[in-house]
Amino acid sequence: MEHWDVVVVGGGPAGAACAAVARRADPAARVLVLDRADFPRDKVCGDGIAPEALDVLSGLGLDAESLTAGWASVPRLRLRSPGGTTVERAMRRPARVVPRAVFDGRLLTAALATGAELRRHVVRRLEVHPTHVEVDGAISAGVVVGADGAESVVRRSLGVRPNPPDRLAIAIRGYAPEPAGLEGVQAILTTGQRWPAYAWSFPLGDGRANVGYGELVSGGVNRDGLLDGLARLLPGVEPAGLRAHRLPLSTGRPRQPDGRVLLAGDAASLINPLTGEGIFYAVLSGALAGTAAIHGAGSGRAYRRALQARLGRHLRHSSTASWASRWPAVMDAAFRAAEADQRVFDDVVDLGLADGRLTPRALSAAVRHLR
């Protein structure tokens, strides 16, 4: 049985960041990335990349500019509340929109350049022992990191139950010509019908946009309902390549157990409950997992503490904001406050797309705009 110091299951942003950091933390470590697909491969996603995600990658010594080169830099964001309040402003820093087939392939290539290795393999089972973890009876690892997405096999192997329906969203995504009136603008459009639900349009810079619509599984939505929601919020848009995916929200995030198996990104239910954003969480949690993976049997504890220190307060604030947003009037007030004050707009964006918090400024402004 071949042995590796760290085995990363999943080669997406969380797994690639993990592999790169594990090699950086211990240049002698043997790091293997396992993925069921060949790269480049598509991944159902909105394709938007917040600048904070690129900051994380730059901090790992990776060239963030090369990862996004040739694709759109989008400085403006439009938000529409369930009651119809619309605010459009420039973000503090522009976001990037890059198809995941491009971004994930570039990021994994950069991770492999650090000395990690990649193998195509479908992981089916894990056996955890005091001194190692066995993967499919063929590979032994000091630590295994599950970065294998919303349907994580690694997560199931730990006996961690999936998110309940009210902590799980489902979205459908495709590509279409940029919707009229939304050219060159990232847009997140919510609706009072079947709330909480929203549609998005993220321009790629080549005349196309990534468009989609999602809502909670607990609402009983099906494919026809997703298509109806997309048509209602983005009328006249006829996307191609429609695919659906699940989003395990961070409000249902499981506790990272002790031991030699870690969960990162979607596998750890690290999806922003307000916006569905996941790439920032993916690269950050992957990086933290890669650092913790050198601790062997103590990796789970070290990783849990690192996650709590880095994201704990933000996750509490985003969960609280998600709970409050169940009342559309609260969302309407927050968007009116953002329309009136650039600083409040920036606070809202930070909370929904990065690791921001419910600031006293944003809270007091929203209260003033309640009707």
Protein backbone atom coordinates (compact mmCIF):
# COMPACT_ATOMS: atom_id res chain seq x y z
CA MET A 1 0.00 0.00 0.00
CA GLU A 2 1.49 3.33 -1.03
CA HIS A 3 1.79 6.01 1.64
CA TRP A 4 1.37 9.78 1.37
CA ASP A 5 1.66 12.41 4.08
CA VAL A 6 -1.45 14.28 2.91
CA VAL A 7 -4.15 13.09 0.54
CA VAL A 8 -6.55 15.77 -0.70
CA VAL A 9 -9.82 14.51 -2.12
CA GLY A 10 -11.00 17.05 -4.70
CA GLY A 11 -8.96 19.31 -6.95
CA GLY A 12 -11.18 22.41 -6.91
CA PRO A 13 -10.22 25.68 -5.20
CA ALA A 14 -10.33 24.26 -1.66
CA GLY A 15 -8.30 21.20 -2.58
CA ALA A 16 -5.78 23.09 -4.71
CA ALA A 17 -5.20 25.70 -1.98
CA CYS A 18 -4.81 22.92 0.58
CA ALA A 19 -2.25 21.05 -1.50
CA ALA A 20 -0.21 24.19 -2.17
CA VAL A 21 -0.14 25.18 1.50
CA ALA A 22 0.68 21.66 2.74
CA ARG A 23 3.72 21.65 0.44
CA ARG A 24 4.65 25.13 1.58
CA ALA A 25 4.27 24.21 5.27
CA ASP A 26 6.47 21.14 4.79
CA PRO A 27 8.42 21.04 1.50
CA ALA A 28 9.30 17.40 2.20
CA ALA A 29 5.65 16.35 2.53
CA ARG A 30 4.30 13.96 -0.08
CA VAL A 31 0.95 15.42 -1.13
CA LEU A 32 -1.49 13.67 -3.46
CA VAL A 33 -4.64 15.22 -4.94
CA LEU A 34 -7.36 12.79 -6.01
CA ASP A 35 -10.18 13.92 -8.27
CA ARG A 36 -12.83 12.01 -10.17
CA ALA A 37 -12.52 14.29 -13.23
CA ASP A 38 -9.82 15.32 -15.65
CA PHE A 39 -8.92 19.02 -15.63
CA PRO A 40 -9.95 21.41 -17.00
CA ARG A 41 -13.51 20.53 -16.09
CA ASP A 42 -16.66 22.58 -15.60
CA LYS A 43 -18.09 23.23 -12.16
CA VAL A 44 -21.60 24.52 -11.62
CA CYS A 45 -21.11 27.95 -10.04
CA GLY A 46 -21.77 31.64 -10.53
CA ASP A 47 -18.13 32.14 -11.62
CA GLY A 48 -17.79 35.30 -9.52
CA ILE A 49 -14.54 35.63 -7.56
CA ALA A 50 -14.35 38.21 -4.79
CA PRO A 51 -11.06 40.13 -4.47
CA GLU A 52 -10.66 38.73 -0.95
CA ALA A 53 -10.38 35.22 -2.41
CA LEU A 54 -7.56 36.44 -4.64
CA ASP A 55 -5.93 38.04 -1.58
CA VAL A 56 -5.84 34.62 0.08
CA LEU A 57 -4.22 33.06 -2.97
CA SER A 58 -1.68 35.87 -3.25
CA GLY A 59 -0.81 35.28 0.39
CA LEU A 60 0.01 31.68 -0.52
CA GLY A 61 2.59 32.88 -3.02
CA LEU A 62 0.36 32.20 -6.04
CA ASP A 63 0.02 34.71 -8.87
CA ALA A 64 -3.61 35.80 -8.56
CA GLU A 65 -3.42 37.93 -11.71
CA SER A 66 -2.43 34.98 -13.85
CA LEU A 67 -5.32 32.96 -12.44
CA THR A 68 -7.87 35.49 -13.72
CA ALA A 69 -6.08 36.94 -16.75
CA GLY A 70 -8.22 37.50 -19.83
CA TRP A 71 -11.56 37.56 -18.00
CA ALA A 72 -13.81 40.31 -16.77
CA SER A 73 -13.00 42.70 -13.98
CA VAL A 74 -16.38 43.98 -12.76
CA PRO A 75 -16.38 47.09 -10.56
CA ARG A 76 -20.14 47.53 -10.05
CA LEU A 77 -22.75 45.47 -8.22
CA ARG A 78 -26.52 45.84 -8.42
CA LEU A 79 -28.73 44.54 -5.62
CA ARG A 80 -32.52 44.34 -5.63
CA SER A 81 -34.47 43.63 -2.46
CA PRO A 82 -37.62 41.50 -2.17
CA GLY A 83 -39.69 44.69 -2.06
CA GLY A 84 -38.09 46.12 -5.19
CA THR A 85 -35.52 48.53 -3.74
CA THR A 86 -32.57 48.61 -6.14
CA VAL A 87 -29.10 49.86 -5.33
CA GLU A 88 -26.16 49.88 -7.71
CA ARG A 89 -22.76 51.10 -6.64
CA ALA A 90 -19.08 50.56 -7.26
CA MET A 91 -17.54 47.99 -4.96
CA ARG A 92 -14.46 48.91 -2.97
CA ARG A 93 -12.50 46.66 -5.31
CA PRO A 94 -13.73 44.99 -8.48
CA ALA A 95 -14.70 41.34 -8.55
CA ARG A 96 -13.56 38.98 -11.27
CA VAL A 97 -15.75 36.64 -13.29
CA VAL A 98 -13.92 33.60 -14.64
CA PRO A 99 -15.47 30.32 -15.83
CA ARG A 100 -14.64 27.60 -13.37
CA ALA A 101 -13.24 25.38 -16.11
CA VAL A 102 -10.58 28.08 -16.55
CA PHE A 103 -10.04 29.22 -12.97
CA ASP A 104 -9.97 25.78 -11.34
CA GLY A 105 -7.61 24.43 -13.99
CA ARG A 106 -5.19 27.32 -13.55
CA LEU A 107 -5.30 27.11 -9.76
CA LEU A 108 -4.71 23.35 -9.71
CA THR A 109 -1.80 23.74 -12.13
CA ALA A 110 -0.26 26.31 -9.79
CA ALA A 111 -0.73 23.96 -6.83
CA LEU A 112 0.92 21.07 -8.68
CA ALA A 113 3.86 23.32 -9.49
CA THR A 114 4.66 23.33 -5.75
CA GLY A 115 5.34 19.59 -5.93
CA ALA A 116 1.94 18.07 -5.17
CA GLU A 117 0.81 15.25 -7.45
CA LEU A 118 -2.55 14.66 -9.13
CA ARG A 119 -4.28 11.38 -9.87
CA ARG A 120 -7.70 10.68 -11.36
CA HIS A 121 -9.50 8.46 -8.88
CA VAL A 122 -13.07 8.11 -7.59
CA VAL A 123 -12.88 7.82 -3.80
CA ARG A 124 -15.48 5.44 -2.41
CA ARG A 125 -14.55 4.76 1.23
CA LEU A 126 -12.22 5.75 4.02
CA GLU A 127 -11.03 3.74 7.00
CA VAL A 128 -9.64 5.80 9.86
CA HIS A 129 -6.98 4.19 12.05
CA PRO A 130 -5.03 5.64 14.99
CA THR A 131 -1.87 6.01 12.90
CA HIS A 132 -3.21 6.64 9.38
CA VAL A 133 -6.21 6.78 7.06
CA GLU A 134 -6.80 4.23 4.31
CA VAL A 135 -8.40 5.36 1.06
CA ASP A 136 -10.18 2.58 -0.84
CA GLY A 137 -7.83 0.01 0.66
CA ALA A 138 -5.07 1.10 -1.71
CA ILE A 139 -3.66 4.40 -0.39
CA SER A 140 -2.46 5.23 3.10
CA ALA A 141 -2.35 8.83 4.32
CA GLY A 142 -1.21 10.58 7.43
CA VAL A 143 -4.08 13.06 6.93
CA VAL A 144 -6.97 13.16 4.48
CA VAL A 145 -8.62 16.45 3.54
CA GLY A 146 -12.12 16.22 2.08
CA ALA A 147 -12.47 19.02 -0.47
CA ASP A 148 -14.88 17.00 -2.58
CA GLY A 149 -17.87 19.32 -2.67
CA ALA A 150 -21.46 19.36 -1.55
CA GLU A 151 -21.95 15.60 -1.97
CA SER A 152 -18.69 14.84 -0.15
CA VAL A 153 -17.80 11.17 0.18
CA VAL A 154 -15.26 12.11 2.86
CA ARG A 155 -17.95 13.86 4.87
CA ARG A 156 -20.22 10.83 4.69
CA SER A 157 -17.36 8.57 5.78
CA LEU A 158 -17.16 10.56 9.03
CA GLY A 159 -20.85 9.92 9.70
CA VAL A 160 -21.64 13.63 9.35
CA ARG A 161 -25.23 14.00 8.22
CA PRO A 162 -26.07 16.28 5.29
CA ASN A 163 -27.58 19.70 5.90
CA PRO A 164 -31.33 19.70 6.60
CA PRO A 165 -33.56 21.11 3.84
CA ASP A 166 -33.80 24.55 5.46
CA ARG A 167 -29.99 24.79 5.48
CA LEU A 168 -29.58 23.58 1.93
CA ALA A 169 -30.17 25.57 -1.26
CA ILE A 170 -30.41 24.39 -4.85
CA ALA A 171 -29.60 26.54 -7.86
CA ILE A 172 -29.64 26.25 -11.61
CA ARG A 173 -27.04 27.94 -13.81
CA GLY A 174 -26.38 28.54 -17.49
CA TYR A 175 -24.78 31.00 -19.92
CA ALA A 176 -26.62 33.60 -21.99
CA PRO A 177 -26.02 36.93 -23.74
CA GLU A 178 -25.75 39.67 -21.14
CA PRO A 179 -29.29 40.67 -20.07
CA ALA A 180 -30.40 44.08 -21.30
CA GLY A 181 -29.70 46.75 -18.70
CA LEU A 182 -27.17 44.58 -16.86
CA GLU A 183 -24.24 44.90 -19.24
CA GLY A 184 -20.96 45.00 -17.34
CA VAL A 185 -22.65 44.79 -13.93
CA GLN A 186 -22.80 41.98 -11.41
CA ALA A 187 -26.41 41.66 -10.29
CA ILE A 188 -28.09 39.81 -7.42
CA LEU A 189 -31.85 40.13 -7.65
CA THR A 190 -34.11 38.88 -4.87
CA THR A 191 -37.85 38.38 -4.91
CA GLY A 192 -40.73 38.39 -2.46
CA GLN A 193 -42.17 35.35 -4.23
CA ARG A 194 -40.92 32.06 -2.75
CA TRP A 195 -38.60 34.07 -0.52
CA PRO A 196 -35.77 33.53 0.31
CA ALA A 197 -34.71 33.17 -3.32
CA TYR A 198 -32.60 35.14 -5.78
CA ALA A 199 -31.30 35.27 -9.33
CA TRP A 200 -27.92 36.47 -10.53
CA SER A 201 -26.20 37.71 -13.65
CA PHE A 202 -22.39 37.90 -13.71
CA PRO A 203 -20.78 39.19 -16.94
CA LEU A 204 -17.82 37.29 -18.38
CA GLY A 205 -16.57 40.20 -20.47
CA ASP A 206 -17.10 38.44 -23.81
CA GLY A 207 -20.75 39.40 -24.30
CA ARG A 208 -22.00 36.50 -22.21
CA ALA A 209 -23.13 36.29 -18.61
CA ASN A 210 -23.34 33.49 -16.09
CA VAL A 211 -27.01 33.55 -15.05
CA GLY A 212 -28.88 31.47 -12.51
CA TYR A 213 -31.54 31.19 -9.86
CA GLY A 214 -31.68 29.41 -6.50
CA GLU A 215 -33.77 28.89 -3.39
CA LEU A 216 -33.98 26.69 -0.31
CA VAL A 217 -34.67 22.98 -0.74
CA SER A 218 -37.23 23.23 2.08
CA GLY A 219 -39.48 25.22 -0.26
CA GLY A 220 -40.07 22.08 -2.31
CA VAL A 221 -38.67 23.56 -5.52
CA ASN A 222 -38.06 21.39 -8.57
CA ARG A 223 -36.38 22.03 -11.93
CA ASP A 224 -39.49 23.64 -13.41
CA GLY A 225 -39.72 25.92 -10.39
CA LEU A 226 -36.09 26.97 -10.77
CA LEU A 227 -36.63 27.75 -14.44
CA ASP A 228 -39.78 29.73 -13.61
CA GLY A 229 -37.88 31.74 -11.00
CA LEU A 230 -35.08 32.50 -13.44
CA ALA A 231 -37.56 33.62 -16.10
CA ARG A 232 -39.42 35.79 -13.60
CA LEU A 233 -36.36 37.66 -12.36
CA LEU A 234 -34.42 37.75 -15.63
CA PRO A 235 -37.17 37.94 -18.24
CA GLY A 236 -36.20 37.25 -21.83
CA VAL A 237 -32.99 35.44 -20.90
CA GLU A 238 -32.60 32.06 -22.57
CA PRO A 239 -29.50 30.40 -21.13
CA ALA A 240 -27.69 27.40 -22.58
CA GLY A 241 -25.89 24.67 -20.67
CA LEU A 242 -28.27 24.69 -17.72
CA ARG A 243 -27.14 22.56 -14.79
CA ALA A 244 -28.30 22.41 -11.18
CA HIS A 245 -26.29 22.02 -7.99
CA ARG A 246 -26.79 21.96 -4.22
CA LEU A 247 -25.39 24.56 -1.84
CA PRO A 248 -24.87 23.41 1.79
CA LEU A 249 -25.14 26.69 3.68
CA SER A 250 -22.81 27.66 6.50
CA THR A 251 -25.79 27.97 8.86
CA GLY A 252 -25.72 24.14 8.90
CA ARG A 253 -21.95 23.83 9.19
CA PRO A 254 -20.90 20.66 11.07
CA ARG A 255 -18.30 20.68 13.82
CA GLN A 256 -14.90 19.67 12.53
CA PRO A 257 -14.00 16.48 14.44
CA ASP A 258 -10.64 15.70 16.00
CA GLY A 259 -8.31 13.37 14.20
CA ARG A 260 -6.82 12.84 10.78
CA VAL A 261 -9.73 13.73 8.48
CA LEU A 262 -10.52 17.38 7.67
CA LEU A 263 -13.33 18.99 5.68
CA ALA A 264 -12.88 22.13 3.58
CA GLY A 265 -15.00 24.26 1.26
CA ASP A 266 -18.43 22.96 0.27
CA ALA A 267 -17.71 19.65 2.03
CA ALA A 268 -17.62 21.65 5.29
CA SER A 269 -20.87 23.48 4.41
CA LEU A 270 -18.96 26.70 3.90
CA ILE A 271 -21.38 28.54 1.64
CA ASN A 272 -22.49 32.08 2.49
CA PRO A 273 -26.20 31.82 3.38
CA LEU A 274 -26.94 35.32 2.08
CA THR A 275 -25.39 35.12 -1.39
CA GLY A 276 -24.36 31.53 -2.08
CA GLU A 277 -20.73 32.67 -2.36
CA GLY A 278 -18.28 29.84 -1.78
CA ILE A 279 -14.92 30.41 -3.47
CA PHE A 280 -13.59 32.76 -0.78
CA TYR A 281 -14.51 30.22 1.91
CA ALA A 282 -13.06 27.42 -0.24
CA VAL A 283 -9.58 28.86 -0.71
CA LEU A 284 -9.41 30.15 2.87
CA SER A 285 -10.54 26.89 4.49
CA GLY A 286 -8.34 24.90 2.12
CA ALA A 287 -5.34 27.00 3.12
CA LEU A 288 -6.10 26.54 6.82
CA ALA A 289 -6.54 22.79 6.30
CA GLY A 290 -3.22 22.57 4.48
CA THR A 291 -1.45 24.26 7.37
CA ALA A 292 -3.14 22.01 9.93
CA ALA A 293 -2.49 18.81 7.97
CA ILE A 294 1.14 18.65 9.10
CA HIS A 295 -0.04 17.96 12.69
CA GLY A 296 -0.98 14.33 12.03
CA ALA A 297 -3.40 13.03 14.67
CA GLY A 298 -3.76 16.59 15.99
CA SER A 299 -4.78 18.01 12.62
CA GLY A 300 -8.53 18.07 13.24
CA ARG A 301 -8.17 19.99 16.47
CA ALA A 302 -5.64 22.42 14.98
CA TYR A 303 -7.85 23.03 11.95
CA ARG A 304 -11.00 23.54 14.02
CA ARG A 305 -9.23 26.15 16.14
CA ALA A 306 -7.87 27.90 13.06
CA LEU A 307 -11.31 28.03 11.44
CA GLN A 308 -12.83 29.42 14.62
CA ALA A 309 -10.16 32.08 14.97
CA ARG A 310 -10.35 33.16 11.33
CA LEU A 311 -14.04 32.76 10.44
CA GLY A 312 -15.97 32.13 13.65
CA ARG A 313 -17.19 35.66 14.25
CA HIS A 314 -18.03 36.22 10.59
CA LEU A 315 -20.02 32.98 10.40
CA ARG A 316 -22.03 33.96 13.48
CA HIS A 317 -22.80 37.35 11.93
CA SER A 318 -23.72 35.93 8.51
CA SER A 319 -25.97 33.34 10.17
CA THR A 320 -27.68 36.07 12.18
CA ALA A 321 -28.13 38.17 9.05
CA SER A 322 -29.54 35.15 7.21
CA TRP A 323 -32.04 34.56 10.01
CA ALA A 324 -33.11 38.22 10.00
CA SER A 325 -33.42 38.24 6.21
CA ARG A 326 -36.32 35.79 6.41
CA TRP A 327 -38.41 38.93 6.93
CA PRO A 328 -38.35 40.72 3.55
CA ALA A 329 -38.88 44.08 5.24
CA VAL A 330 -35.48 43.72 6.89
CA MET A 331 -33.82 43.14 3.50
CA ASP A 332 -35.69 46.11 2.04
CA ALA A 333 -34.45 48.33 4.86
CA ALA A 334 -30.85 47.14 4.49
CA PHE A 335 -30.89 47.81 0.76
CA ARG A 336 -32.42 51.27 1.24
CA ALA A 337 -29.65 52.00 3.72
CA ALA A 338 -27.05 50.78 1.22
CA GLU A 339 -28.61 52.98 -1.45
CA ALA A 340 -28.24 55.98 0.81
CA ASP A 341 -24.68 55.37 2.05
CA GLN A 342 -21.68 53.91 0.20
CA ARG A 343 -20.16 52.78 3.49
CA VAL A 344 -23.24 50.70 4.33
CA PHE A 345 -23.15 49.24 0.82
CA ASP A 346 -19.53 48.23 1.39
CA ASP A 347 -20.46 46.61 4.71
CA VAL A 348 -23.26 44.61 3.06
CA VAL A 349 -20.93 43.43 0.28
CA ASP A 350 -18.24 42.40 2.76
CA LEU A 351 -20.76 40.36 4.74
CA GLY A 352 -22.13 38.61 1.66
CA LEU A 353 -18.99 38.07 -0.41
CA ALA A 354 -16.09 37.92 2.04
CA ASP A 355 -15.65 37.76 5.82
CA GLY A 356 -17.41 40.95 6.90
CA ARG A 357 -19.54 41.48 9.96
CA LEU A 358 -22.79 43.15 10.96
CA THR A 359 -21.34 46.56 11.66
CA PRO A 360 -23.02 49.02 14.04
CA ARG A 361 -23.18 51.47 11.12
CA ALA A 362 -25.10 49.06 8.88
CA LEU A 363 -27.40 47.92 11.69
CA SER A 364 -28.35 51.43 12.79
CA ALA A 365 -28.86 52.54 9.19
CA ALA A 366 -31.13 49.57 8.47
CA VAL A 367 -33.20 50.31 11.57
CA ARG A 368 -33.63 53.90 10.44
CA HIS A 369 -34.89 52.71 7.05
CA LEU A 370 -37.44 50.22 8.38
CA ARG A 371 -40.95 51.09 7.28
